Amino acid sequence: MKKLLILLVMYITFFSSFLISKANVEPDPDSILSFQIEMLRWDEVNKLLPKYSTFKVVDFESGKSFMVQRRAGHYHADVQPISHRDTKIMKEIYNGEWSWKRRAILVAVNDEWIAASMHGMPHGAGALKNGFPGHFCIHFYGSKTHRSNDTDLSHQLMILKASGKLDQYVSEAGPEEIVEIFFAGLKQRDAKIVESVLIPGQKIDWDTVWKEMSNISLRQFSINKHESSSIYIEVPVKYEWIHRDIGRKVYDNELFLVKLSPIRGWKVDSEWLTDGEY
């Protein structure tokens, strides 16, 4: 029965998309950005932002901005807010609490706006008298972390979000990537990223989800290679969900992936989120 309902949703979604694509809809001039956002690779940005350079950071969601100085960083930029005022604005962006949560940002360099991602947790050394106890990290496309020497998926998703290329990336992602994007979006408490991989039209009470969830980590999952060529996959997943009231619990569940049409990407059926089955 569940599979039949999902197939029905697939048919309705595909047919609706077909009708919309045929409609002659004029673009809204007010929705067109007045500036170009670039998604430059780290090796390019590294030359544009040398050590001790200063630049503006704009939070993608709130529009709040502050100034920073690059102090170090080999595979990404280690930066510090320039003044106490900049530190205050940054902390406001994180609702008054320092956090490892990634956020989509824009970096202004000369006449360019560059898509990037930051976290909000002071760590390590700091040299400026700014009320910020350490430095924080800004990642660009292709940046790597200190510890793993690998790109950080959550940072890269925020960069795609800031550049306006998230939906394109998701549409071309395979089923394994879709599962990872889904859990990364939950971990970062970013509804836009999670919704980018959900079946269109599914409604989630995000306030309830965020209130219940303190943190989440994907432990393992498996996808049968033979199933990845089909249009419907049941994916066994094991994840750790830290509840605000009862603490840490490990769940074995199933994630249902569907392909809405041959030319569209994989999507997640969010029934277990909708029904509160976490």
Protein backbone atom coordinates (compact mmCIF):
# COMPACT_ATOMS: atom_id res chain seq x y z
CA MET A 1 0.00 0.00 0.00
CA LYS A 2 2.82 2.41 0.90
CA LYS A 3 4.57 1.77 -2.39
CA LEU A 4 1.32 2.41 -4.29
CA LEU A 5 0.85 5.76 -2.51
CA ILE A 6 4.41 6.81 -3.30
CA LEU A 7 3.97 5.89 -6.96
CA LEU A 8 0.77 7.94 -7.04
CA VAL A 9 2.65 10.94 -5.60
CA MET A 10 5.33 10.43 -8.24
CA TYR A 11 2.76 10.49 -11.02
CA ILE A 12 1.00 13.61 -9.72
CA THR A 13 4.31 15.44 -9.18
CA PHE A 14 5.63 14.59 -12.62
CA PHE A 15 2.37 15.57 -14.34
CA SER A 16 2.20 18.86 -12.41
CA SER A 17 5.80 19.65 -13.30
CA PHE A 18 5.04 19.00 -16.95
CA LEU A 19 2.10 21.44 -16.91
CA ILE A 20 4.10 24.10 -15.10
CA SER A 21 6.96 23.81 -17.57
CA LYS A 22 4.49 24.45 -20.39
CA ALA A 23 3.00 27.54 -18.77
CA ASN A 24 4.13 30.94 -20.00
CA VAL A 25 5.11 32.58 -16.72
CA GLU A 26 6.89 35.93 -16.72
CA PRO A 27 9.79 36.20 -14.25
CA ASP A 28 9.36 38.51 -11.30
CA PRO A 29 11.89 41.33 -11.73
CA ASP A 30 11.91 41.93 -7.96
CA SER A 31 13.28 38.42 -7.37
CA ILE A 32 16.36 38.91 -9.57
CA LEU A 33 19.52 39.62 -7.57
CA SER A 34 21.31 42.83 -8.38
CA PHE A 35 24.71 41.21 -7.97
CA GLN A 36 26.47 38.06 -9.08
CA ILE A 37 27.39 35.42 -6.49
CA GLU A 38 30.48 33.39 -7.35
CA MET A 39 31.30 29.91 -6.07
CA LEU A 40 35.07 30.14 -6.26
CA ARG A 41 37.34 27.27 -5.32
CA TRP A 42 39.51 27.58 -2.23
CA ASP A 43 42.77 27.77 -4.20
CA GLU A 44 41.43 30.91 -5.93
CA VAL A 45 40.06 32.47 -2.73
CA ASN A 46 43.32 31.74 -0.92
CA LYS A 47 45.03 34.19 -3.27
CA LEU A 48 42.27 36.80 -3.00
CA LEU A 49 42.30 36.72 0.82
CA PRO A 50 45.93 36.56 1.99
CA LYS A 51 46.89 36.44 5.65
CA TYR A 52 45.87 39.59 7.57
CA SER A 53 43.41 40.70 4.88
CA THR A 54 40.07 42.04 6.10
CA PHE A 55 36.68 41.46 4.51
CA LYS A 56 32.94 41.59 5.13
CA VAL A 57 30.87 38.51 6.04
CA VAL A 58 27.12 38.59 5.31
CA ASP A 59 24.86 35.98 6.89
CA PHE A 60 22.72 34.51 4.10
CA GLU A 61 19.60 34.01 6.25
CA SER A 62 19.46 37.18 8.34
CA GLY A 63 21.36 39.61 6.13
CA LYS A 64 23.41 40.76 9.13
CA SER A 65 27.03 41.55 8.38
CA PHE A 66 30.31 41.99 10.23
CA MET A 67 33.99 42.44 9.46
CA VAL A 68 36.71 39.83 9.97
CA GLN A 69 40.44 39.44 9.51
CA ARG A 70 42.10 36.30 8.21
CA ARG A 71 44.76 35.18 10.65
CA ALA A 72 45.76 31.72 9.37
CA GLY A 73 44.44 28.59 7.69
CA HIS A 74 45.94 26.31 5.05
CA TYR A 75 42.88 24.58 3.56
CA HIS A 76 40.32 27.14 4.75
CA ALA A 77 40.36 30.59 6.34
CA ASP A 78 40.89 30.92 10.09
CA VAL A 79 39.43 34.32 10.90
CA GLN A 80 38.55 36.62 13.80
CA PRO A 81 35.96 39.39 14.12
CA ILE A 82 37.80 42.72 13.96
CA SER A 83 36.11 44.51 16.86
CA HIS A 84 33.83 43.97 19.86
CA ARG A 85 30.97 45.26 17.72
CA ASP A 86 31.68 42.63 15.04
CA THR A 87 31.77 39.92 17.71
CA LYS A 88 28.44 41.13 19.06
CA ILE A 89 26.82 40.98 15.61
CA MET A 90 28.19 37.49 14.98
CA LYS A 91 26.84 36.24 18.29
CA GLU A 92 23.44 37.75 17.45
CA ILE A 93 23.46 35.71 14.23
CA TYR A 94 23.84 32.60 16.40
CA ASN A 95 21.00 33.69 18.71
CA GLY A 96 23.35 34.60 21.54
CA GLU A 97 25.10 31.20 21.81
CA TRP A 98 28.33 30.10 20.19
CA SER A 99 27.77 27.00 18.08
CA TRP A 100 29.46 24.57 15.68
CA LYS A 101 26.39 24.89 13.46
CA ARG A 102 27.27 25.75 9.88
CA ARG A 103 25.66 28.78 8.25
CA ALA A 104 25.57 29.89 4.63
CA ILE A 105 27.34 33.23 4.16
CA LEU A 106 28.53 35.60 1.46
CA VAL A 107 32.03 37.06 1.56
CA ALA A 108 32.58 40.46 -0.07
CA VAL A 109 35.96 40.78 -1.78
CA ASN A 110 36.46 43.93 -3.84
CA ASP A 111 33.50 43.87 -6.24
CA GLU A 112 32.84 40.13 -5.84
CA TRP A 113 30.42 38.21 -3.64
CA ILE A 114 31.74 34.72 -2.87
CA ALA A 115 29.60 31.87 -1.52
CA ALA A 116 31.01 30.42 1.71
CA SER A 117 30.15 28.73 5.00
CA MET A 118 31.08 29.47 8.59
CA HIS A 119 30.61 27.91 12.00
CA GLY A 120 30.16 29.94 15.15
CA MET A 121 32.43 28.35 17.75
CA PRO A 122 35.51 30.20 19.05
CA HIS A 123 38.47 27.85 19.34
CA GLY A 124 42.25 27.92 19.28
CA ALA A 125 44.28 31.09 19.48
CA GLY A 126 43.14 34.66 18.96
CA ALA A 127 45.22 37.83 18.67
CA LEU A 128 42.75 40.69 18.31
CA LYS A 129 41.16 42.61 21.18
CA ASN A 130 37.61 41.88 20.11
CA GLY A 131 35.94 39.93 22.92
CA PHE A 132 36.13 36.76 20.82
CA PRO A 133 38.06 33.98 22.61
CA GLY A 134 39.90 32.45 19.66
CA HIS A 135 39.13 32.19 15.96
CA PHE A 136 36.50 30.53 13.78
CA CYS A 137 36.61 28.89 10.37
CA ILE A 138 35.25 29.95 6.99
CA HIS A 139 35.09 27.31 4.27
CA PHE A 140 34.89 27.88 0.53
CA TYR A 141 34.19 25.47 -2.31
CA GLY A 142 36.76 22.69 -2.02
CA SER A 143 38.01 23.68 1.45
CA LYS A 144 39.13 20.94 3.83
CA THR A 145 39.01 20.54 7.60
CA HIS A 146 42.04 20.54 9.92
CA ARG A 147 41.47 17.07 11.33
CA SER A 148 40.29 14.90 8.45
CA ASN A 149 41.96 16.73 5.56
CA ASP A 150 38.68 16.16 3.71
CA THR A 151 35.89 18.44 2.61
CA ASP A 152 33.08 18.84 5.14
CA LEU A 153 29.70 17.97 3.57
CA SER A 154 27.73 20.37 5.76
CA HIS A 155 30.02 23.28 4.88
CA GLN A 156 29.84 22.42 1.17
CA LEU A 157 26.02 22.26 1.30
CA MET A 158 25.92 25.72 2.88
CA ILE A 159 28.17 27.01 0.11
CA LEU A 160 25.82 25.55 -2.51
CA LYS A 161 22.89 27.14 -0.67
CA ALA A 162 24.58 30.56 -0.65
CA SER A 163 25.44 30.30 -4.35
CA GLY A 164 21.91 29.26 -5.37
CA LYS A 165 23.16 25.93 -6.72
CA LEU A 166 21.79 23.60 -4.04
CA ASP A 167 18.78 22.38 -6.04
CA GLN A 168 20.94 21.66 -9.08
CA TYR A 169 23.38 19.67 -6.96
CA VAL A 170 20.57 17.67 -5.34
CA SER A 171 18.96 16.90 -8.71
CA GLU A 172 22.20 15.28 -9.89
CA ALA A 173 23.00 13.43 -6.64
CA GLY A 174 22.88 9.65 -6.36
CA PRO A 175 20.88 7.84 -3.67
CA GLU A 176 23.87 7.57 -1.31
CA GLU A 177 24.47 11.33 -1.47
CA ILE A 178 20.76 12.02 -0.93
CA VAL A 179 20.80 10.05 2.34
CA GLU A 180 23.88 11.95 3.52
CA ILE A 181 22.38 15.33 2.53
CA PHE A 182 19.17 14.49 4.40
CA PHE A 183 20.98 13.76 7.65
CA ALA A 184 23.45 16.62 7.22
CA GLY A 185 20.54 19.04 6.86
CA LEU A 186 18.93 17.68 10.02
CA LYS A 187 22.20 17.89 11.94
CA GLN A 188 22.63 21.53 10.91
CA ARG A 189 18.95 22.25 11.70
CA ASP A 190 18.54 23.67 8.19
CA ALA A 191 15.01 23.12 6.88
CA LYS A 192 15.89 24.38 3.38
CA ILE A 193 18.59 21.74 2.92
CA VAL A 194 16.37 18.93 4.23
CA GLU A 195 13.43 20.06 2.11
CA SER A 196 15.62 20.12 -1.00
CA VAL A 197 15.69 16.29 -0.88
CA LEU A 198 12.08 15.69 0.23
CA ILE A 199 9.18 14.71 -2.00
CA PRO A 200 7.52 18.03 -2.97
CA GLY A 201 4.43 18.89 -0.98
CA GLN A 202 5.34 17.08 2.22
CA LYS A 203 4.84 19.30 5.25
CA ILE A 204 7.10 19.08 8.30
CA ASP A 205 6.47 20.83 11.62
CA TRP A 206 10.04 22.01 11.95
CA ASP A 207 9.46 23.81 15.24
CA THR A 208 8.46 20.48 16.79
CA VAL A 209 11.40 18.62 15.22
CA TRP A 210 13.97 21.19 16.37
CA LYS A 211 12.41 21.34 19.84
CA GLU A 212 12.68 17.56 20.18
CA MET A 213 16.13 17.16 18.62
CA SER A 214 19.31 18.31 20.31
CA ASN A 215 21.55 16.59 17.76
CA ILE A 216 21.56 13.74 15.22
CA SER A 217 24.33 11.63 13.65
CA LEU A 218 24.08 9.12 10.84
CA ARG A 219 25.96 5.99 11.92
CA GLN A 220 25.53 3.69 8.95
CA PHE A 221 23.33 2.86 5.98
CA SER A 222 23.44 0.52 3.02
CA ILE A 223 22.06 0.66 -0.51
CA ASN A 224 21.90 -2.38 -2.73
CA LYS A 225 23.73 -1.55 -5.96
CA HIS A 226 21.10 -3.40 -7.97
CA GLU A 227 18.35 -1.24 -6.44
CA SER A 228 20.09 2.05 -7.26
CA SER A 229 18.97 1.69 -10.89
CA SER A 230 15.28 1.42 -9.92
CA ILE A 231 12.86 4.24 -9.02
CA TYR A 232 12.11 3.16 -5.44
CA ILE A 233 14.60 2.14 -2.75
CA GLU A 234 14.16 1.14 0.90
CA VAL A 235 17.35 2.15 2.71
CA PRO A 236 18.13 0.67 6.16
CA VAL A 237 19.65 3.43 8.30
CA LYS A 238 21.10 3.53 11.80
CA TYR A 239 21.33 6.94 13.43
CA GLU A 240 21.85 8.48 16.82
CA TRP A 241 19.22 10.99 17.89
CA ILE A 242 19.88 13.06 21.00
CA HIS A 243 16.51 14.05 22.49
CA ARG A 244 16.31 17.16 24.62
CA ASP A 245 14.27 15.37 27.29
CA ILE A 246 15.37 11.72 27.29
CA GLY A 247 18.93 12.01 25.95
CA ARG A 248 20.75 9.79 23.49
CA LYS A 249 19.00 6.99 21.59
CA VAL A 250 20.12 4.87 18.65
CA TYR A 251 17.50 3.95 16.06
CA ASP A 252 17.31 1.38 13.28
CA ASN A 253 14.88 2.69 10.70
CA GLU A 254 14.18 2.76 6.97
CA LEU A 255 14.43 5.71 4.65
CA PHE A 256 12.34 5.51 1.49
CA LEU A 257 13.84 7.03 -1.66
CA VAL A 258 11.90 7.59 -4.87
CA LYS A 259 12.77 8.93 -8.30
CA LEU A 260 9.89 11.11 -9.42
CA SER A 261 10.72 10.82 -13.12
CA PRO A 262 13.59 9.64 -15.36
CA ILE A 263 14.85 13.22 -15.67
CA ARG A 264 14.49 14.26 -12.03
CA GLY A 265 16.62 13.32 -9.04
CA TRP A 266 16.03 11.13 -6.03
CA LYS A 267 13.75 12.33 -3.23
CA VAL A 268 13.13 11.20 0.36
CA ASP A 269 9.73 10.19 1.71
CA SER A 270 9.68 11.99 5.05
CA GLU A 271 6.86 9.98 6.65
CA TRP A 272 8.82 9.14 9.80
CA LEU A 273 9.52 12.85 10.36
CA THR A 274 5.96 13.85 9.55
CA ASP A 275 4.54 11.26 11.94
CA GLY A 276 7.10 11.97 14.64
CA GLU A 277 8.59 8.47 14.32
CA TYR A 278 12.06 9.35 15.58
